[in-house]
Amino acid sequence: MTSIEDLVSVEFETGDKPESFEKVIRPSTFFSWILGVGIARPLKSWKIATFFLRFVNFAICSSIVAYGAIDFFFFGSVFKSDTFKIMYYMNKVACYISSYYYVFHGLVQYKKWPILMERIAAIDKKMRHCGLECNNRSIRCFQIFTLIMTCLLGPISLVSHALYYLYTQPEEIFASDLLLYHTISQSLCINFEFDLIVMGIYARFREINRGIRRSGEQITAGRIIMEIRKAREVHHALCALVRYINSIHGMHLLLSSLNSFTMVVATLFRIYMGVVEGIDKFMMINNVIWLTYTAQFALTCFICTWARRESSRTGIIIHDIVLRRLPKGPRPCDLYSIDITRAPEDPELSLRNEINDFSAQLDHSIIAFTACEFFIMDNNLLTNFVGVITTYLIILVQFYAPEGVCGGMSTTPSVEL
């Protein structure tokens, strides 16, 4: 007799082949590959092409470092605050280290992207054998949003910036300002690529929970046991996938968080200095910068929280099955009087044992996306992020004194930023 698993397998093999996760996120993967960041790349791409793109982006990053050093002397003639110079150095160092790591990340872990895609494909195959099919519609919509934002804040903003100052104030066009948009594009691209992967994991946890919820509506306990065993296998594979992702993106998350923190603090402090000293020419750009990095960090925290929350809901759902089937099983006082030789034959007791085993598995499979085990990417980190930034800004404002106050004069500098 043909089993249910075989019937489901034959149904998917004879029908249209579902679209793989790698194919779904291929546009974003290609964009990351062109910008030379992260480990994402087309699976059929030439290795020499990947190395060439990394070399080109390495040269661009080196140019950014060189122009940044020149740019610092220009800002030093405008803002003479030592506090600002310290924050400026910290911001640039974090930004440059992150940019270089984003480029070399894909070279050091060149072979891990195909392995990651194979693991996700294997999980999808197991889900199809369980009669579950992950809906990638939300992932597609999010991918369209990420591509639009990356292009808008990267190439389009660069061209707009260049054209605006070309026809209004050509002397205010600096190479460091134009290259900054490349840095923003790289940061957005690698973080959005990570967000897409986490979104895929979240969607699969959600589909597993839906399958368990539907299996709880079955009449026979044997059918529920079979469905729970399948869900256990897929859930375990997803938890192993999360650990593998942490091994790949741990350092990236650490540097990205540090870069976002220093960028937001330094930019907000720069805005405050511009307001106090009457230097507000680049106020619009500075506001876009700190809002971009804050939104980037917050989005990563939100998506990681969704995936972790959806994973924890599995335990609640399987225990709801026990409560719904409580009248069908033996009463608690009768558990001690059950014949031991016949207990394994009772389907309700077998169901409870299966649920207890699954519950024990969940207790040891709590997922979390961590930055090299230093902190967990979730909403709690986002709250601390806002609090620490506020604290640092208060301290910086207290130690900062406008140039006119330091010199005993109330004049406003004539040079504008």
Protein backbone atom coordinates (compact mmCIF):
# COMPACT_ATOMS: atom_id res chain seq x y z
CA MET A 1 0.00 0.00 0.00
CA THR A 2 1.27 3.45 -0.89
CA SER A 3 1.94 5.66 2.12
CA ILE A 4 0.72 9.22 2.47
CA GLU A 5 4.28 10.56 2.20
CA ASP A 6 4.71 8.79 -1.14
CA LEU A 7 1.42 10.17 -2.42
CA VAL A 8 2.43 13.70 -1.49
CA SER A 9 5.86 13.20 -3.07
CA VAL A 10 4.37 11.87 -6.30
CA GLU A 11 1.93 14.78 -6.41
CA PHE A 12 4.72 17.35 -6.30
CA GLU A 13 6.95 15.44 -8.70
CA THR A 14 4.26 15.11 -11.36
CA GLY A 15 3.05 18.69 -10.96
CA ASP A 16 4.85 21.94 -11.47
CA LYS A 17 8.12 22.13 -9.60
CA PRO A 18 7.92 24.77 -6.84
CA GLU A 19 10.21 27.75 -7.16
CA SER A 20 13.32 27.47 -5.03
CA PHE A 21 14.25 30.06 -2.43
CA GLU A 22 17.48 30.77 -4.32
CA LYS A 23 15.48 31.69 -7.40
CA VAL A 24 13.11 33.88 -5.39
CA ILE A 25 15.91 36.05 -3.98
CA ARG A 26 18.03 35.95 -7.15
CA PRO A 27 17.55 39.67 -7.99
CA SER A 28 18.82 40.70 -4.57
CA THR A 29 21.62 38.14 -4.82
CA PHE A 30 22.76 39.57 -8.15
CA PHE A 31 22.70 43.11 -6.73
CA SER A 32 24.88 42.05 -3.77
CA TRP A 33 27.24 40.27 -6.15
CA ILE A 34 27.67 43.38 -8.29
CA LEU A 35 28.37 45.56 -5.24
CA GLY A 36 30.84 42.96 -3.98
CA VAL A 37 29.41 42.56 -0.48
CA GLY A 38 28.49 39.52 1.59
CA ILE A 39 28.51 35.90 0.49
CA ALA A 40 25.50 36.09 -1.86
CA ARG A 41 26.28 35.36 -5.49
CA PRO A 42 24.68 33.59 -8.46
CA LEU A 43 25.34 29.87 -8.10
CA LYS A 44 26.48 29.58 -11.72
CA SER A 45 28.75 32.62 -11.65
CA TRP A 46 32.42 32.31 -12.54
CA LYS A 47 34.84 32.46 -9.67
CA ILE A 48 37.12 34.83 -11.55
CA ALA A 49 34.18 37.20 -12.12
CA THR A 50 33.44 37.21 -8.39
CA PHE A 51 37.07 37.98 -7.55
CA PHE A 52 37.18 40.73 -10.16
CA LEU A 53 34.09 42.44 -8.72
CA ARG A 54 35.57 42.19 -5.23
CA PHE A 55 38.79 43.76 -6.45
CA VAL A 56 36.89 46.65 -8.06
CA ASN A 57 34.91 47.31 -4.88
CA PHE A 58 38.09 46.98 -2.82
CA ALA A 59 39.60 49.75 -4.96
CA ILE A 60 36.51 51.89 -4.43
CA CYS A 61 36.72 51.34 -0.66
CA SER A 62 40.39 52.34 -0.72
CA SER A 63 39.46 55.51 -2.61
CA ILE A 64 36.84 56.27 0.02
CA VAL A 65 39.48 55.93 2.75
CA ALA A 66 41.88 58.23 0.89
CA TYR A 67 39.27 60.90 0.23
CA GLY A 68 38.01 60.54 3.80
CA ALA A 69 41.46 61.44 5.11
CA ILE A 70 41.54 64.52 2.89
CA ASP A 71 37.98 65.35 3.86
CA PHE A 72 38.87 65.34 7.54
CA PHE A 73 41.25 68.27 7.13
CA PHE A 74 38.48 70.23 5.43
CA PHE A 75 36.07 69.57 8.29
CA GLY A 76 38.82 70.42 10.75
CA SER A 77 38.91 73.96 9.34
CA VAL A 78 35.15 74.29 9.84
CA PHE A 79 34.59 72.52 13.17
CA LYS A 80 37.44 72.97 15.65
CA SER A 81 35.82 70.95 18.44
CA ASP A 82 37.99 68.13 19.77
CA THR A 83 34.85 66.25 20.77
CA PHE A 84 33.64 66.28 17.19
CA LYS A 85 37.03 65.13 15.91
CA ILE A 86 36.97 62.13 18.25
CA MET A 87 33.49 61.14 17.09
CA TYR A 88 34.49 61.73 13.48
CA TYR A 89 37.49 59.40 13.82
CA MET A 90 35.41 56.70 15.52
CA ASN A 91 32.73 56.94 12.86
CA LYS A 92 35.17 56.73 9.95
CA VAL A 93 37.15 53.85 11.44
CA ALA A 94 33.99 51.80 12.03
CA CYS A 95 32.73 52.65 8.54
CA TYR A 96 35.98 51.72 6.79
CA ILE A 97 36.47 48.47 8.72
CA SER A 98 32.90 47.44 7.95
CA SER A 99 33.26 48.27 4.25
CA TYR A 100 36.45 46.24 3.90
CA TYR A 101 34.92 43.31 5.77
CA TYR A 102 31.82 43.35 3.57
CA VAL A 103 34.08 42.96 0.53
CA PHE A 104 36.30 40.19 1.94
CA HIS A 105 33.40 38.38 3.60
CA GLY A 106 32.38 36.71 0.36
CA LEU A 107 35.94 35.62 -0.41
CA VAL A 108 36.69 34.09 2.98
CA GLN A 109 33.38 32.20 3.03
CA TYR A 110 33.07 31.70 -0.71
CA LYS A 111 31.81 28.09 -0.48
CA LYS A 112 29.16 28.68 2.17
CA TRP A 113 26.53 30.34 -0.02
CA PRO A 114 25.83 27.18 -2.11
CA ILE A 115 25.72 25.12 1.09
CA LEU A 116 23.22 27.55 2.61
CA MET A 117 20.98 27.38 -0.45
CA GLU A 118 21.20 23.57 -0.47
CA ARG A 119 20.13 23.41 3.16
CA ILE A 120 17.14 25.64 2.52
CA ALA A 121 16.22 23.54 -0.53
CA ALA A 122 16.44 20.36 1.58
CA ILE A 123 14.13 21.90 4.20
CA ASP A 124 11.64 22.89 1.50
CA LYS A 125 11.70 19.33 0.19
CA LYS A 126 10.93 17.96 3.65
CA MET A 127 8.08 20.44 3.99
CA ARG A 128 6.60 19.34 0.67
CA HIS A 129 6.71 15.74 1.85
CA CYS A 130 4.66 16.93 4.83
CA GLY A 131 2.13 18.58 2.54
CA LEU A 132 3.40 22.07 3.41
CA GLU A 133 4.29 24.71 0.86
CA CYS A 134 5.95 27.97 1.88
CA ASN A 135 4.36 31.07 0.41
CA ASN A 136 7.10 33.35 -0.90
CA ARG A 137 4.81 36.26 -1.70
CA SER A 138 5.79 38.27 1.37
CA ILE A 139 9.46 37.63 0.61
CA ARG A 140 9.02 38.89 -2.95
CA CYS A 141 7.29 42.05 -1.75
CA PHE A 142 10.00 42.70 0.81
CA GLN A 143 12.67 42.09 -1.82
CA ILE A 144 11.09 44.67 -4.14
CA PHE A 145 11.10 47.15 -1.25
CA THR A 146 14.78 46.48 -0.47
CA LEU A 147 15.85 46.87 -4.09
CA ILE A 148 13.93 50.13 -4.45
CA MET A 149 15.40 51.57 -1.25
CA THR A 150 18.94 50.48 -2.17
CA CYS A 151 18.69 52.11 -5.60
CA LEU A 152 16.97 55.20 -4.21
CA LEU A 153 19.51 55.82 -1.45
CA GLY A 154 22.46 54.73 -3.57
CA PRO A 155 22.80 55.44 -7.31
CA ILE A 156 19.75 57.70 -7.63
CA SER A 157 20.77 59.83 -4.64
CA LEU A 158 24.33 60.03 -5.97
CA VAL A 159 23.17 61.30 -9.37
CA SER A 160 20.70 63.72 -7.78
CA HIS A 161 23.37 65.07 -5.44
CA ALA A 162 25.85 65.56 -8.28
CA LEU A 163 23.37 67.24 -10.63
CA TYR A 164 21.97 69.53 -7.93
CA TYR A 165 25.34 70.93 -6.88
CA LEU A 166 26.63 70.93 -10.45
CA TYR A 167 24.01 73.49 -11.47
CA THR A 168 23.81 75.40 -8.18
CA GLN A 169 27.20 75.33 -6.43
CA PRO A 170 29.82 73.37 -8.37
CA GLU A 171 32.49 74.24 -5.82
CA GLU A 172 30.57 72.26 -3.18
CA ILE A 173 30.92 68.92 -5.01
CA PHE A 174 33.35 66.67 -3.12
CA ALA A 175 34.40 63.16 -4.12
CA SER A 176 34.00 61.97 -0.52
CA ASP A 177 30.33 63.00 -0.53
CA LEU A 178 29.65 61.14 -3.77
CA LEU A 179 31.51 58.01 -2.63
CA LEU A 180 29.47 58.00 0.57
CA TYR A 181 26.47 56.79 -1.42
CA HIS A 182 28.44 53.72 -2.48
CA THR A 183 29.12 52.97 1.19
CA ILE A 184 25.43 53.34 1.99
CA SER A 185 24.49 51.03 -0.90
CA GLN A 186 26.90 48.35 0.32
CA SER A 187 25.63 48.54 3.88
CA LEU A 188 21.99 48.38 2.81
CA CYS A 189 22.60 45.57 0.36
CA ILE A 190 24.36 43.17 2.75
CA ASN A 191 21.89 43.85 5.55
CA PHE A 192 18.87 43.45 3.29
CA GLU A 193 20.30 40.15 2.02
CA PHE A 194 20.51 38.91 5.60
CA ASP A 195 16.98 40.17 6.27
CA LEU A 196 15.66 38.22 3.27
CA ILE A 197 17.18 34.99 4.58
CA VAL A 198 15.67 35.56 8.02
CA MET A 199 12.33 36.36 6.36
CA GLY A 200 12.54 33.00 4.61
CA ILE A 201 13.14 31.24 7.93
CA TYR A 202 10.26 33.13 9.51
CA ALA A 203 7.93 32.10 6.68
CA ARG A 204 8.89 28.44 7.11
CA PHE A 205 8.34 28.49 10.87
CA ARG A 206 4.95 30.06 10.24
CA GLU A 207 4.02 27.33 7.75
CA ILE A 208 5.11 24.62 10.21
CA ASN A 209 2.89 26.12 12.89
CA ARG A 210 -0.04 26.22 10.49
CA GLY A 211 0.54 22.57 9.64
CA ILE A 212 0.65 21.57 13.32
CA ARG A 213 -2.52 23.56 13.98
CA ARG A 214 -4.29 21.78 11.12
CA SER A 215 -3.04 18.38 12.28
CA GLY A 216 -4.57 19.00 15.70
CA GLU A 217 -7.97 18.97 14.04
CA GLN A 218 -7.53 15.34 12.95
CA ILE A 219 -9.79 12.77 14.56
CA THR A 220 -7.32 9.93 15.04
CA ALA A 221 -4.35 10.27 17.35
CA GLY A 222 -2.18 8.18 15.02
CA ARG A 223 -2.54 10.71 12.22
CA ILE A 224 -1.59 13.55 14.57
CA ILE A 225 1.48 11.63 15.74
CA MET A 226 2.64 11.20 12.16
CA GLU A 227 2.22 14.92 11.42
CA ILE A 228 4.03 15.96 14.60
CA ARG A 229 6.97 13.71 13.80
CA LYS A 230 7.30 15.37 10.41
CA ALA A 231 7.09 18.81 11.99
CA ARG A 232 9.77 17.85 14.51
CA GLU A 233 12.17 16.94 11.74
CA VAL A 234 11.61 20.17 9.82
CA HIS A 235 11.79 22.30 12.98
CA HIS A 236 15.08 20.69 13.95
CA ALA A 237 16.49 21.36 10.47
CA LEU A 238 15.45 25.02 10.69
CA CYS A 239 17.13 25.43 14.08
CA ALA A 240 20.31 23.91 12.67
CA LEU A 241 20.04 26.33 9.74
CA VAL A 242 19.86 29.29 12.15
CA ARG A 243 23.04 28.14 13.87
CA TYR A 244 24.74 27.88 10.49
CA ILE A 245 23.61 31.40 9.57
CA ASN A 246 25.01 32.71 12.86
CA SER A 247 28.38 31.20 12.00
CA ILE A 248 28.31 33.06 8.67
CA HIS A 249 26.84 36.43 9.62
CA GLY A 250 27.98 36.81 13.23
CA MET A 251 30.87 39.17 12.49
CA HIS A 252 28.80 41.01 9.87
CA LEU A 253 26.07 41.71 12.43
CA LEU A 254 28.63 42.89 14.97
CA LEU A 255 30.34 45.32 12.58
CA SER A 256 27.06 46.46 11.07
CA SER A 257 25.65 47.26 14.52
CA LEU A 258 28.83 49.12 15.49
CA ASN A 259 28.79 51.04 12.22
CA SER A 260 25.13 51.99 12.63
CA PHE A 261 25.74 53.15 16.20
CA THR A 262 28.74 55.35 15.42
CA MET A 263 27.15 56.70 12.25
CA VAL A 264 23.93 57.72 14.01
CA VAL A 265 25.72 59.28 17.01
CA ALA A 266 28.27 61.17 14.89
CA THR A 267 25.68 62.40 12.39
CA LEU A 268 23.22 63.59 15.04
CA PHE A 269 26.05 65.34 16.88
CA ARG A 270 27.12 66.94 13.61
CA ILE A 271 23.56 68.18 13.07
CA TYR A 272 23.53 69.66 16.57
CA MET A 273 26.82 71.44 15.94
CA GLY A 274 25.53 72.79 12.65
CA VAL A 275 22.42 74.20 14.33
CA VAL A 276 24.41 75.81 17.15
CA GLU A 277 27.08 77.31 14.89
CA GLY A 278 24.74 78.22 12.06
CA ILE A 279 26.26 75.76 9.56
CA ASP A 280 23.25 74.03 8.03
CA LYS A 281 24.05 73.57 4.35
CA PHE A 282 24.19 69.73 4.48
CA MET A 283 21.42 69.35 7.05
CA MET A 284 19.20 67.43 4.63
CA ILE A 285 21.89 64.88 3.74
CA ASN A 286 22.83 64.34 7.38
CA ASN A 287 19.21 63.67 8.30
CA VAL A 288 18.92 61.13 5.50
CA ILE A 289 22.10 59.38 6.70
CA TRP A 290 21.09 58.89 10.33
CA LEU A 291 17.54 57.91 9.40
CA THR A 292 18.85 55.35 6.89
CA TYR A 293 21.19 53.64 9.33
CA THR A 294 18.60 53.70 12.12
CA ALA A 295 15.93 52.17 9.88
CA GLN A 296 18.39 49.57 8.61
CA PHE A 297 19.28 48.45 12.13
CA ALA A 298 15.67 48.56 13.34
CA LEU A 299 14.45 46.48 10.40
CA THR A 300 16.99 43.75 11.12
CA CYS A 301 15.94 43.67 14.78
CA PHE A 302 12.24 43.49 13.85
CA ILE A 303 12.65 40.61 11.42
CA CYS A 304 14.87 38.61 13.79
CA THR A 305 12.27 39.12 16.52
CA TRP A 306 9.49 37.86 14.24
CA ALA A 307 11.41 34.68 13.41
CA ARG A 308 12.26 34.02 17.05
CA ARG A 309 8.67 34.67 18.17
CA GLU A 310 7.24 32.38 15.47
CA SER A 311 9.61 29.61 16.53
CA SER A 312 8.54 29.91 20.18
CA ARG A 313 4.87 29.68 19.18
CA THR A 314 5.36 26.05 18.16
CA GLY A 315 5.39 24.90 21.78
CA ILE A 316 2.15 26.76 22.52
CA ILE A 317 0.42 25.19 19.52
CA ILE A 318 1.37 21.59 20.32
CA HIS A 319 0.18 21.97 23.92
CA ASP A 320 -3.13 23.33 22.63
CA ILE A 321 -3.56 19.95 20.95
CA VAL A 322 -3.27 18.26 24.36
CA LEU A 323 -5.92 20.53 25.86
CA ARG A 324 -8.33 19.98 22.97
CA ARG A 325 -7.97 16.20 23.18
CA LEU A 326 -8.02 16.03 26.98
CA PRO A 327 -11.49 14.38 27.16
CA LYS A 328 -10.34 11.65 24.75
CA GLY A 329 -7.36 10.61 26.81
CA PRO A 330 -7.19 9.01 30.27
CA ARG A 331 -7.76 11.16 33.30
CA PRO A 332 -4.67 12.11 35.34
CA CYS A 333 -5.80 9.89 38.21
CA ASP A 334 -6.10 6.95 35.80
CA LEU A 335 -2.56 7.20 34.50
CA TYR A 336 -1.27 5.30 37.54
CA SER A 337 -3.70 2.41 37.04
CA ILE A 338 -2.96 1.78 33.35
CA ASP A 339 -1.53 -1.60 32.48
CA ILE A 340 2.10 -1.04 31.52
CA THR A 341 2.00 -3.76 28.88
CA ARG A 342 -0.93 -2.07 27.16
CA ALA A 343 0.09 1.55 27.64
CA PRO A 344 2.12 1.82 24.44
CA GLU A 345 -0.90 0.56 22.49
CA ASP A 346 -3.04 3.48 23.63
CA PRO A 347 -2.87 6.09 20.81
CA GLU A 348 -3.71 8.96 23.15
CA LEU A 349 -0.80 8.09 25.44
CA SER A 350 1.47 7.76 22.42
CA LEU A 351 0.32 11.19 21.28
CA ARG A 352 1.16 12.70 24.65
CA ASN A 353 4.56 11.04 24.65
CA GLU A 354 5.23 12.42 21.18
CA ILE A 355 4.21 15.90 22.28
CA ASN A 356 6.40 15.64 25.39
CA ASP A 357 9.36 14.63 23.22
CA PHE A 358 8.69 17.55 20.88
CA SER A 359 8.41 19.89 23.86
CA ALA A 360 11.78 18.70 25.18
CA GLN A 361 13.26 19.28 21.73
CA LEU A 362 11.90 22.83 21.67
CA ASP A 363 13.42 23.56 25.08
CA HIS A 364 16.86 22.80 23.65
CA SER A 365 16.26 24.47 20.27
CA ILE A 366 15.62 28.11 21.13
CA ILE A 367 16.73 30.09 18.10
CA ALA A 368 18.45 33.46 18.26
CA PHE A 369 20.37 35.50 15.72
CA THR A 370 23.50 36.67 17.50
CA ALA A 371 26.44 38.92 16.67
CA CYS A 372 29.32 36.59 17.56
CA GLU A 373 27.51 35.74 20.82
CA PHE A 374 27.94 39.31 22.07
CA PHE A 375 24.26 40.22 21.82
CA ILE A 376 21.02 38.96 20.30
CA MET A 377 19.41 40.81 17.42
CA ASP A 378 15.90 41.55 18.68
CA ASN A 379 13.65 44.38 19.80
CA ASN A 380 15.31 44.48 23.21
CA LEU A 381 18.60 45.33 21.51
CA LEU A 382 16.83 48.06 19.53
CA THR A 383 15.55 49.58 22.77
CA ASN A 384 19.05 49.54 24.25
CA PHE A 385 20.38 50.99 20.99
CA VAL A 386 18.11 54.02 21.30
CA GLY A 387 18.92 54.44 24.99
CA VAL A 388 22.69 54.29 24.51
CA ILE A 389 22.58 56.74 21.60
CA THR A 390 20.55 59.18 23.68
CA THR A 391 23.01 58.85 26.57
CA TYR A 392 26.03 59.43 24.35
CA LEU A 393 24.45 62.48 22.72
CA ILE A 394 23.70 64.01 26.12
CA ILE A 395 27.32 63.48 27.19
CA LEU A 396 28.68 64.90 23.93
CA VAL A 397 26.47 67.97 24.16
CA GLN A 398 27.64 68.62 27.72
CA PHE A 399 31.31 68.43 26.72
CA TYR A 400 30.83 70.47 23.57
CA ALA A 401 31.21 74.24 23.52
CA PRO A 402 30.62 76.34 20.39
CA GLU A 403 33.64 77.97 18.81
CA GLY A 404 32.45 81.49 19.68
CA VAL A 405 32.09 80.53 23.36
CA CYS A 406 35.55 78.98 23.49
CA GLY A 407 37.15 82.11 22.07
CA GLY A 408 35.10 84.50 24.18
CA MET A 409 33.41 85.88 21.08
CA SER A 410 29.86 85.65 19.81
CA THR A 411 30.73 85.73 16.13
CA THR A 412 29.51 83.06 13.74
CA PRO A 413 32.03 81.40 11.43
CA SER A 414 31.67 82.44 7.83
CA VAL A 415 32.59 79.03 6.37
CA GLU A 416 29.57 76.84 5.68
CA LEU A 417 29.44 73.06 5.61
